[in-house]
């Protein structure tokens, strides 16, 4: 049985030519998914940090836009991996 399996395991050039593009496409898709996950992670961390600043107060690297009727809009805008990451939070405190 072992000789039968080993004897039939030889491939041909045609099968090799069809496997190479599939492996190449798989690797490209894996890289794209990993890059998208990295951008989403950074966006979520930025949003959480900005929300914490809006709730507790404090200093940070954000833009401050006053709102009509009180409060302010806090916006963080930066680039990572050629992707724009934006986080937005509303600060409703009357001190602004």
PDB file of N, CA and C in Angstrom:
ATOM      1  N   UNK A   1       0.818  -1.192   0.000  1.00  0.00           N
ATOM      2  CA  UNK A   1       0.000   0.000   0.000  1.00  0.00           C
ATOM      3  C   UNK A   1       0.863   1.258   0.000  1.00  0.00           C
ATOM      4  N   UNK A   2       1.938   1.227   0.786  1.00  0.00           N
ATOM      5  CA  UNK A   2       2.821   2.390   0.871  1.00  0.00           C
ATOM      6  C   UNK A   2       3.469   2.678  -0.478  1.00  0.00           C
ATOM      7  N   UNK A   3       3.901   1.647  -1.182  1.00  0.00           N
ATOM      8  CA  UNK A   3       4.511   1.849  -2.503  1.00  0.00           C
ATOM      9  C   UNK A   3       3.494   2.443  -3.474  1.00  0.00           C
ATOM     10  N   UNK A   4       2.264   2.036  -3.342  1.00  0.00           N
ATOM     11  CA  UNK A   4       1.225   2.554  -4.226  1.00  0.00           C
ATOM     12  C   UNK A   4       0.993   4.040  -3.983  1.00  0.00           C
ATOM     13  N   UNK A   5       0.960   4.443  -2.713  1.00  0.00           N
ATOM     14  CA  UNK A   5       0.757   5.855  -2.393  1.00  0.00           C
ATOM     15  C   UNK A   5       1.952   6.710  -2.800  1.00  0.00           C
ATOM     16  N   UNK A   6       3.147   6.228  -2.544  1.00  0.00           N
ATOM     17  CA  UNK A   6       4.338   7.000  -2.901  1.00  0.00           C
ATOM     18  C   UNK A   6       4.534   7.067  -4.412  1.00  0.00           C
ATOM     19  N   UNK A   7       4.168   6.051  -5.109  1.00  0.00           N
ATOM     20  CA  UNK A   7       4.313   6.045  -6.560  1.00  0.00           C
ATOM     21  C   UNK A   7       3.376   7.017  -7.242  1.00  0.00           C
ATOM     22  N   UNK A   8       2.204   7.230  -6.679  1.00  0.00           N
ATOM     23  CA  UNK A   8       1.227   8.119  -7.304  1.00  0.00           C
ATOM     24  C   UNK A   8       1.325   9.550  -6.789  1.00  0.00           C
ATOM     25  N   UNK A   9       2.260   9.816  -5.901  1.00  0.00           N
ATOM     26  CA  UNK A   9       2.352  11.164  -5.343  1.00  0.00           C
ATOM     27  C   UNK A   9       3.177  12.103  -6.209  1.00  0.00           C
ATOM     28  N   UNK A  10       3.731  11.602  -7.274  1.00  0.00           N
ATOM     29  CA  UNK A  10       4.506  12.481  -8.160  1.00  0.00           C
ATOM     30  C   UNK A  10       3.562  13.409  -8.909  1.00  0.00           C
ATOM     31  N   UNK A  11       3.930  14.675  -8.960  1.00  0.00           N
ATOM     32  CA  UNK A  11       3.114  15.650  -9.656  1.00  0.00           C
ATOM     33  C   UNK A  11       3.668  15.938 -11.038  1.00  0.00           C
ATOM     34  N   UNK A  12       2.948  16.731 -11.743  1.00  0.00           N
ATOM     35  CA  UNK A  12       3.403  17.117 -13.073  1.00  0.00           C
ATOM     36  C   UNK A  12       3.634  18.622 -13.087  1.00  0.00           C
ATOM     37  N   UNK A  13       4.184  19.091 -14.167  1.00  0.00           N
ATOM     38  CA  UNK A  13       4.448  20.517 -14.313  1.00  0.00           C
ATOM     39  C   UNK A  13       3.136  21.301 -14.336  1.00  0.00           C
ATOM     40  N   UNK A  14       2.100  20.720 -14.932  1.00  0.00           N
ATOM     41  CA  UNK A  14       0.816  21.411 -15.014  1.00  0.00           C
ATOM     42  C   UNK A  14       0.210  21.628 -13.623  1.00  0.00           C
ATOM     43  N   UNK A  15       0.325  20.639 -12.753  1.00  0.00           N
ATOM     44  CA  UNK A  15      -0.222  20.813 -11.410  1.00  0.00           C
ATOM     45  C   UNK A  15       0.586  21.841 -10.623  1.00  0.00           C
ATOM     46  N   UNK A  16       1.885  21.868 -10.838  1.00  0.00           N
ATOM     47  CA  UNK A  16       2.729  22.862 -10.184  1.00  0.00           C
ATOM     48  C   UNK A  16       2.363  24.265 -10.654  1.00  0.00           C
ATOM     49  N   UNK A  17       2.108  24.420 -11.936  1.00  0.00           N
ATOM     50  CA  UNK A  17       1.760  25.732 -12.493  1.00  0.00           C
ATOM     51  C   UNK A  17       0.409  26.211 -11.969  1.00  0.00           C
ATOM     52  N   UNK A  18      -0.514  25.305 -11.673  1.00  0.00           N
ATOM     53  CA  UNK A  18      -1.805  25.734 -11.137  1.00  0.00           C
ATOM     54  C   UNK A  18      -1.738  26.018  -9.640  1.00  0.00           C
ATOM     55  N   UNK A  19      -0.825  25.390  -8.922  1.00  0.00           N
ATOM     56  CA  UNK A  19      -0.729  25.610  -7.475  1.00  0.00           C
ATOM     57  C   UNK A  19      -0.038  26.926  -7.150  1.00  0.00           C
ATOM     58  N   UNK A  20       0.965  27.325  -7.912  1.00  0.00           N
ATOM     59  CA  UNK A  20       1.720  28.552  -7.630  1.00  0.00           C
ATOM     60  C   UNK A  20       0.826  29.793  -7.602  1.00  0.00           C
ATOM     61  N   UNK A  21      -0.046  30.046  -8.587  1.00  0.00           N
ATOM     62  CA  UNK A  21      -0.913  31.239  -8.491  1.00  0.00           C
ATOM     63  C   UNK A  21      -1.871  31.190  -7.308  1.00  0.00           C
ATOM     64  N   UNK A  22      -2.342  30.007  -6.950  1.00  0.00           N
ATOM     65  CA  UNK A  22      -3.241  29.890  -5.800  1.00  0.00           C
ATOM     66  C   UNK A  22      -2.520  30.251  -4.507  1.00  0.00           C
ATOM     67  N   UNK A  23      -1.301  29.794  -4.350  1.00  0.00           N
ATOM     68  CA  UNK A  23      -0.514  30.136  -3.161  1.00  0.00           C
ATOM     69  C   UNK A  23      -0.220  31.628  -3.147  1.00  0.00           C
ATOM     70  N   UNK A  24       0.115  32.195  -4.284  1.00  0.00           N
ATOM     71  CA  UNK A  24       0.397  33.622  -4.393  1.00  0.00           C
ATOM     72  C   UNK A  24      -0.827  34.452  -4.000  1.00  0.00           C
ATOM     73  N   UNK A  25      -1.990  34.087  -4.500  1.00  0.00           N
ATOM     74  CA  UNK A  25      -3.222  34.813  -4.176  1.00  0.00           C
ATOM     75  C   UNK A  25      -3.545  34.668  -2.691  1.00  0.00           C
ATOM     76  N   UNK A  26      -3.355  33.469  -2.131  1.00  0.00           N
ATOM     77  CA  UNK A  26      -3.598  33.262  -0.706  1.00  0.00           C
ATOM     78  C   UNK A  26      -2.700  34.160   0.138  1.00  0.00           C
ATOM     79  N   UNK A  27      -1.430  34.273  -0.211  1.00  0.00           N
ATOM     80  CA  UNK A  27      -0.512  35.103   0.557  1.00  0.00           C
ATOM     81  C   UNK A  27      -0.864  36.578   0.464  1.00  0.00           C
ATOM     82  N   UNK A  28      -1.278  37.028  -0.704  1.00  0.00           N
ATOM     83  CA  UNK A  28      -1.699  38.424  -0.865  1.00  0.00           C
ATOM     84  C   UNK A  28      -2.944  38.701  -0.027  1.00  0.00           C
ATOM     85  N   UNK A  29      -3.927  37.803  -0.062  1.00  0.00           N
ATOM     86  CA  UNK A  29      -5.145  38.000   0.719  1.00  0.00           C
ATOM     87  C   UNK A  29      -4.844  37.978   2.218  1.00  0.00           C
ATOM     88  N   UNK A  30      -3.944  37.113   2.646  1.00  0.00           N
ATOM     89  CA  UNK A  30      -3.565  37.069   4.050  1.00  0.00           C
ATOM     90  C   UNK A  30      -2.936  38.387   4.482  1.00  0.00           C
ATOM     91  N   UNK A  31      -2.093  38.959   3.634  1.00  0.00           N
ATOM     92  CA  UNK A  31      -1.455  40.236   3.953  1.00  0.00           C
ATOM     93  C   UNK A  31      -2.486  41.360   4.019  1.00  0.00           C
ATOM     94  N   UNK A  32      -3.446  41.384   3.106  1.00  0.00           N
ATOM     95  CA  UNK A  32      -4.478  42.416   3.117  1.00  0.00           C
ATOM     96  C   UNK A  32      -5.352  42.317   4.368  1.00  0.00           C
ATOM     97  N   UNK A  33      -5.708  41.114   4.759  1.00  0.00           N
ATOM     98  CA  UNK A  33      -6.516  40.936   5.969  1.00  0.00           C
ATOM     99  C   UNK A  33      -5.731  41.396   7.191  1.00  0.00           C
ATOM    100  N   UNK A  34      -4.455  41.066   7.266  1.00  0.00           N
ATOM    101  CA  UNK A  34      -3.629  41.473   8.401  1.00  0.00           C
ATOM    102  C   UNK A  34      -3.498  42.994   8.460  1.00  0.00           C
ATOM    103  N   UNK A  35      -3.306  43.657   7.315  1.00  0.00           N
ATOM    104  CA  UNK A  35      -3.197  45.117   7.291  1.00  0.00           C
ATOM    105  C   UNK A  35      -4.511  45.764   7.727  1.00  0.00           C
ATOM    106  N   UNK A  36      -5.645  45.225   7.269  1.00  0.00           N
ATOM    107  CA  UNK A  36      -6.939  45.779   7.647  1.00  0.00           C
ATOM    108  C   UNK A  36      -7.178  45.614   9.139  1.00  0.00           C
ATOM    109  N   UNK A  37      -6.781  44.473   9.701  1.00  0.00           N
ATOM    110  CA  UNK A  37      -6.918  44.261  11.135  1.00  0.00           C
ATOM    111  C   UNK A  37      -6.082  45.268  11.913  1.00  0.00           C
ATOM    112  N   UNK A  38      -4.889  45.570  11.428  1.00  0.00           N
ATOM    113  CA  UNK A  38      -4.009  46.521  12.111  1.00  0.00           C
ATOM    114  C   UNK A  38      -4.616  47.921  12.107  1.00  0.00           C
ATOM    115  N   UNK A  39      -5.198  48.332  10.992  1.00  0.00           N
ATOM    116  CA  UNK A  39      -5.833  49.659  10.911  1.00  0.00           C
ATOM    117  C   UNK A  39      -7.068  49.708  11.814  1.00  0.00           C
ATOM    118  N   UNK A  40      -7.865  48.644  11.831  1.00  0.00           N
ATOM    119  CA  UNK A  40      -9.064  48.611  12.685  1.00  0.00           C
ATOM    120  C   UNK A  40      -8.669  48.654  14.159  1.00  0.00           C
ATOM    121  N   UNK A  41      -7.597  47.955  14.515  1.00  0.00           N
ATOM    122  CA  UNK A  41      -7.144  47.956  15.904  1.00  0.00           C
ATOM    123  C   UNK A  41      -6.716  49.358  16.312  1.00  0.00           C
ATOM    124  N   UNK A  42      -5.962  50.035  15.451  1.00  0.00           N
ATOM    125  CA  UNK A  42      -5.515  51.395  15.768  1.00  0.00           C
ATOM    126  C   UNK A  42      -6.690  52.356  15.854  1.00  0.00           C
ATOM    127  N   UNK A  43      -7.670  52.187  14.994  1.00  0.00           N
ATOM    128  CA  UNK A  43      -8.855  53.045  15.029  1.00  0.00           C
ATOM    129  C   UNK A  43      -9.640  52.845  16.322  1.00  0.00           C
ATOM    130  N   UNK A  44      -9.809  51.603  16.745  1.00  0.00           N
ATOM    131  CA  UNK A  44     -10.538  51.335  17.980  1.00  0.00           C
ATOM    132  C   UNK A  44      -9.788  51.859  19.199  1.00  0.00           C
ATOM    133  N   UNK A  45      -8.470  51.723  19.223  1.00  0.00           N
ATOM    134  CA  UNK A  45      -7.691  52.237  20.344  1.00  0.00           C
ATOM    135  C   UNK A  45      -7.751  53.763  20.405  1.00  0.00           C
ATOM    136  N   UNK A  46      -7.686  54.420  19.236  1.00  0.00           N
ATOM    137  CA  UNK A  46      -7.781  55.881  19.197  1.00  0.00           C
ATOM    138  C   UNK A  46      -9.149  56.345  19.670  1.00  0.00           C
ATOM    139  N   UNK A  47     -10.198  55.650  19.256  1.00  0.00           N
ATOM    140  CA  UNK A  47     -11.551  56.012  19.660  1.00  0.00           C
ATOM    141  C   UNK A  47     -11.711  55.847  21.168  1.00  0.00           C
ATOM    142  N   UNK A  48     -11.194  54.777  21.727  1.00  0.00           N
ATOM    143  CA  UNK A  48     -11.290  54.556  23.170  1.00  0.00           C
ATOM    144  C   UNK A  48     -10.533  55.603  23.966  1.00  0.00           C
ATOM    145  N   UNK A  49      -9.335  55.951  23.495  1.00  0.00           N
ATOM    146  CA  UNK A  49      -8.534  56.966  24.189  1.00  0.00           C
ATOM    147  C   UNK A  49      -9.223  58.330  24.149  1.00  0.00           C
ATOM    148  N   UNK A  50      -9.786  58.670  22.997  1.00  0.00           N
ATOM    149  CA  UNK A  50     -10.465  59.962  22.868  1.00  0.00           C
ATOM    150  C   UNK A  50     -11.740  59.996  23.708  1.00  0.00           C
ATOM    151  N   UNK A  51     -12.472  58.898  23.760  1.00  0.00           N
ATOM    152  CA  UNK A  51     -13.674  58.847  24.593  1.00  0.00           C
ATOM    153  C   UNK A  51     -13.316  58.999  26.067  1.00  0.00           C
ATOM    154  N   UNK A  52     -12.199  58.411  26.472  1.00  0.00           N
ATOM    155  CA  UNK A  52     -11.758  58.542  27.862  1.00  0.00           C
ATOM    156  C   UNK A  52     -11.408  59.998  28.177  1.00  0.00           C
ATOM    157  N   UNK A  53     -10.740  60.684  27.237  1.00  0.00           N
ATOM    158  CA  UNK A  53     -10.413  62.101  27.430  1.00  0.00           C
ATOM    159  C   UNK A  53     -11.691  62.933  27.513  1.00  0.00           C
ATOM    160  N   UNK A  54     -12.687  62.602  26.667  1.00  0.00           N
ATOM    161  CA  UNK A  54     -13.946  63.360  26.677  1.00  0.00           C
ATOM    162  C   UNK A  54     -14.713  63.154  27.978  1.00  0.00           C
ATOM    163  N   UNK A  55     -14.644  61.962  28.561  1.00  0.00           N
ATOM    164  CA  UNK A  55     -15.389  61.678  29.785  1.00  0.00           C
ATOM    165  C   UNK A  55     -14.672  62.230  31.011  1.00  0.00           C
ATOM    166  N   UNK A  56     -13.381  61.917  31.126  1.00  0.00           N
ATOM    167  CA  UNK A  56     -12.637  62.277  32.332  1.00  0.00           C
ATOM    168  C   UNK A  56     -11.957  63.633  32.236  1.00  0.00           C
ATOM    169  N   UNK A  57     -11.798  64.144  31.046  1.00  0.00           N
ATOM    170  CA  UNK A  57     -11.029  65.367  30.856  1.00  0.00           C
ATOM    171  C   UNK A  57      -9.552  65.031  30.744  1.00  0.00           C
ATOM    172  N   UNK A  58      -8.773  65.984  30.383  1.00  0.00           N
ATOM    173  CA  UNK A  58      -7.342  65.755  30.270  1.00  0.00           C
ATOM    174  C   UNK A  58      -6.807  66.292  28.963  1.00  0.00           C
ATOM    175  N   UNK A  59      -5.530  66.116  28.807  1.00  0.00           N
ATOM    176  CA  UNK A  59      -4.847  66.607  27.613  1.00  0.00           C
ATOM    177  C   UNK A  59      -4.588  65.455  26.650  1.00  0.00           C
ATOM    178  N   UNK A  60      -4.531  65.788  25.395  1.00  0.00           N
ATOM    179  CA  UNK A  60      -4.243  64.791  24.373  1.00  0.00           C
ATOM    180  C   UNK A  60      -3.965  65.462  23.046  1.00  0.00           C
ATOM    181  N   UNK A  61      -3.609  64.683  22.086  1.00  0.00           N
ATOM    182  CA  UNK A  61      -3.312  65.190  20.748  1.00  0.00           C
ATOM    183  C   UNK A  61      -4.589  65.120  19.906  1.00  0.00           C
ATOM    184  N   UNK A  62      -5.452  66.115  20.073  1.00  0.00           N
ATOM    185  CA  UNK A  62      -6.712  66.142  19.356  1.00  0.00           C
ATOM    186  C   UNK A  62      -7.050  67.578  18.957  1.00  0.00           C
ATOM    187  N   UNK A  63      -7.980  67.693  18.011  1.00  0.00           N
ATOM    188  CA  UNK A  63      -8.496  69.001  17.609  1.00  0.00           C
ATOM    189  C   UNK A  63      -9.799  69.250  18.363  1.00  0.00           C
ATOM    190  N   UNK A  64      -9.990  70.491  18.755  1.00  0.00           N
ATOM    191  CA  UNK A  64     -11.129  70.892  19.582  1.00  0.00           C
ATOM    192  C   UNK A  64     -12.016  71.812  18.756  1.00  0.00           C
ATOM    193  N   UNK A  65     -13.295  71.441  18.591  1.00  0.00           N
ATOM    194  CA  UNK A  65     -14.255  72.259  17.851  1.00  0.00           C
ATOM    195  C   UNK A  65     -15.451  72.546  18.767  1.00  0.00           C
ATOM    196  N   UNK A  66     -15.688  73.832  19.117  1.00  0.00           N
ATOM    197  CA  UNK A  66     -16.831  74.136  19.998  1.00  0.00           C
ATOM    198  C   UNK A  66     -18.154  73.899  19.275  1.00  0.00           C
ATOM    199  N   UNK A  67     -19.146  73.460  20.049  1.00  0.00           N
ATOM    200  CA  UNK A  67     -20.483  73.223  19.513  1.00  0.00           C
ATOM    201  C   UNK A  67     -21.421  74.329  19.957  1.00  0.00           C
ATOM    202  N   UNK A  68     -22.426  74.608  19.151  1.00  0.00           N
ATOM    203  CA  UNK A  68     -23.433  75.599  19.507  1.00  0.00           C
ATOM    204  C   UNK A  68     -24.254  75.047  20.664  1.00  0.00           C
ATOM    205  N   UNK A  69     -24.428  75.828  21.704  1.00  0.00           N
ATOM    206  CA  UNK A  69     -25.185  75.390  22.866  1.00  0.00           C
ATOM    207  C   UNK A  69     -24.327  74.783  23.961  1.00  0.00           C
ATOM    208  N   UNK A  70     -23.035  74.749  23.779  1.00  0.00           N
ATOM    209  CA  UNK A  70     -22.133  74.220  24.808  1.00  0.00           C
ATOM    210  C   UNK A  70     -21.519  72.900  24.407  1.00  0.00           C
ATOM    211  N   UNK A  71     -20.459  72.579  25.067  1.00  0.00           N
ATOM    212  CA  UNK A  71     -19.762  71.340  24.753  1.00  0.00           C
ATOM    213  C   UNK A  71     -18.786  71.521  23.602  1.00  0.00           C
ATOM    214  N   UNK A  72     -18.172  70.462  23.221  1.00  0.00           N
ATOM    215  CA  UNK A  72     -17.198  70.529  22.120  1.00  0.00           C
ATOM    216  C   UNK A  72     -17.090  69.171  21.444  1.00  0.00           C
ATOM    217  N   UNK A  73     -16.543  69.209  20.278  1.00  0.00           N
ATOM    218  CA  UNK A  73     -16.299  68.009  19.493  1.00  0.00           C
ATOM    219  C   UNK A  73     -14.792  67.779  19.468  1.00  0.00           C
ATOM    220  N   UNK A  74     -14.358  66.608  19.877  1.00  0.00           N
ATOM    221  CA  UNK A  74     -12.944  66.263  19.882  1.00  0.00           C
ATOM    222  C   UNK A  74     -12.673  65.318  18.718  1.00  0.00           C
ATOM    223  N   UNK A  75     -11.670  65.642  17.904  1.00  0.00           N
ATOM    224  CA  UNK A  75     -11.365  64.850  16.716  1.00  0.00           C
ATOM    225  C   UNK A  75      -9.871  64.546  16.685  1.00  0.00           C
ATOM    226  N   UNK A  76      -9.544  63.271  16.497  1.00  0.00           N
ATOM    227  CA  UNK A  76      -8.161  62.844  16.288  1.00  0.00           C
ATOM    228  C   UNK A  76      -8.061  62.379  14.851  1.00  0.00           C
ATOM    229  N   UNK A  77      -7.064  62.862  14.142  1.00  0.00           N
ATOM    230  CA  UNK A  77      -6.887  62.527  12.736  1.00  0.00           C
ATOM    231  C   UNK A  77      -5.405  62.256  12.491  1.00  0.00           C
ATOM    232  N   UNK A  78      -5.064  61.016  12.178  1.00  0.00           N
ATOM    233  CA  UNK A  78      -3.680  60.700  11.851  1.00  0.00           C
ATOM    234  C   UNK A  78      -3.637  59.594  10.813  1.00  0.00           C
ATOM    235  N   UNK A  79      -2.446  59.347  10.262  1.00  0.00           N
ATOM    236  CA  UNK A  79      -2.276  58.332   9.226  1.00  0.00           C
ATOM    237  C   UNK A  79      -1.484  57.165   9.775  1.00  0.00           C
ATOM    238  N   UNK A  80      -1.871  55.967   9.325  1.00  0.00           N
ATOM    239  CA  UNK A  80      -1.135  54.755   9.661  1.00  0.00           C
ATOM    240  C   UNK A  80      -1.217  53.821   8.471  1.00  0.00           C
ATOM    241  N   UNK A  81      -0.091  53.375   7.993  1.00  0.00           N
ATOM    242  CA  UNK A  81      -0.023  52.455   6.851  1.00  0.00           C
ATOM    243  C   UNK A  81      -0.769  53.014   5.638  1.00  0.00           C
ATOM    244  N   UNK A  82      -0.571  54.289   5.362  1.00  0.00           N
ATOM    245  CA  UNK A  82      -1.223  54.974   4.246  1.00  0.00           C
ATOM    246  C   UNK A  82      -2.747  54.956   4.353  1.00  0.00           C
ATOM    247  N   UNK A  83      -3.267  54.760   5.553  1.00  0.00           N
ATOM    248  CA  UNK A  83      -4.703  54.812   5.802  1.00  0.00           C
ATOM    249  C   UNK A  83      -4.980  55.914   6.804  1.00  0.00           C
ATOM    250  N   UNK A  84      -6.057  56.629   6.594  1.00  0.00           N
ATOM    251  CA  UNK A  84      -6.438  57.713   7.501  1.00  0.00           C
ATOM    252  C   UNK A  84      -7.271  57.136   8.636  1.00  0.00           C
ATOM    253  N   UNK A  85      -6.862  57.427   9.874  1.00  0.00           N
ATOM    254  CA  UNK A  85      -7.567  56.960  11.063  1.00  0.00           C
ATOM    255  C   UNK A  85      -8.189  58.172  11.741  1.00  0.00           C
ATOM    256  N   UNK A  86      -9.506  58.142  11.923  1.00  0.00           N
ATOM    257  CA  UNK A  86     -10.234  59.258  12.526  1.00  0.00           C
ATOM    258  C   UNK A  86     -11.011  58.741  13.729  1.00  0.00           C
ATOM    259  N   UNK A  87     -10.940  59.478  14.818  1.00  0.00           N
ATOM    260  CA  UNK A  87     -11.736  59.181  16.012  1.00  0.00           C
ATOM    261  C   UNK A  87     -12.469  60.448  16.415  1.00  0.00           C
ATOM    262  N   UNK A  88     -13.739  60.322  16.788  1.00  0.00           N
ATOM    263  CA  UNK A  88     -14.566  61.463  17.130  1.00  0.00           C
ATOM    264  C   UNK A  88     -15.269  61.198  18.463  1.00  0.00           C
ATOM    265  N   UNK A  89     -15.306  62.216  19.334  1.00  0.00           N
ATOM    266  CA  UNK A  89     -16.031  62.122  20.602  1.00  0.00           C
ATOM    267  C   UNK A  89     -16.639  63.476  20.925  1.00  0.00           C
ATOM    268  N   UNK A  90     -17.733  63.467  21.662  1.00  0.00           N
ATOM    269  CA  UNK A  90     -18.411  64.688  22.074  1.00  0.00           C
ATOM    270  C   UNK A  90     -18.165  64.901  23.550  1.00  0.00           C
ATOM    271  N   UNK A  91     -17.653  66.073  23.908  1.00  0.00           N
ATOM    272  CA  UNK A  91     -17.433  66.450  25.306  1.00  0.00           C
ATOM    273  C   UNK A  91     -18.542  67.427  25.674  1.00  0.00           C
ATOM    274  N   UNK A  92     -19.411  67.043  26.593  1.00  0.00           N
ATOM    275  CA  UNK A  92     -20.560  67.874  26.957  1.00  0.00           C
ATOM    276  C   UNK A  92     -20.351  68.691  28.215  1.00  0.00           C
ATOM    277  N   UNK A  93     -19.135  68.784  28.681  1.00  0.00           N
ATOM    278  CA  UNK A  93     -18.906  69.536  29.913  1.00  0.00           C
ATOM    279  C   UNK A  93     -19.090  71.035  29.657  1.00  0.00           C
ATOM    280  N   UNK A  94     -19.486  71.763  30.685  1.00  0.00           N
ATOM    281  CA  UNK A  94     -19.744  73.181  30.546  1.00  0.00           C
ATOM    282  C   UNK A  94     -18.471  74.011  30.679  1.00  0.00           C
ATOM    283  N   UNK A  95     -17.347  73.386  30.952  1.00  0.00           N
ATOM    284  CA  UNK A  95     -16.093  74.115  31.114  1.00  0.00           C
ATOM    285  C   UNK A  95     -15.493  74.571  29.785  1.00  0.00           C
ATOM    286  N   UNK A  96     -15.959  74.025  28.687  1.00  0.00           N
ATOM    287  CA  UNK A  96     -15.372  74.344  27.381  1.00  0.00           C
ATOM    288  C   UNK A  96     -15.950  75.601  26.793  1.00  0.00           C
TER     289      UNK A  96
END
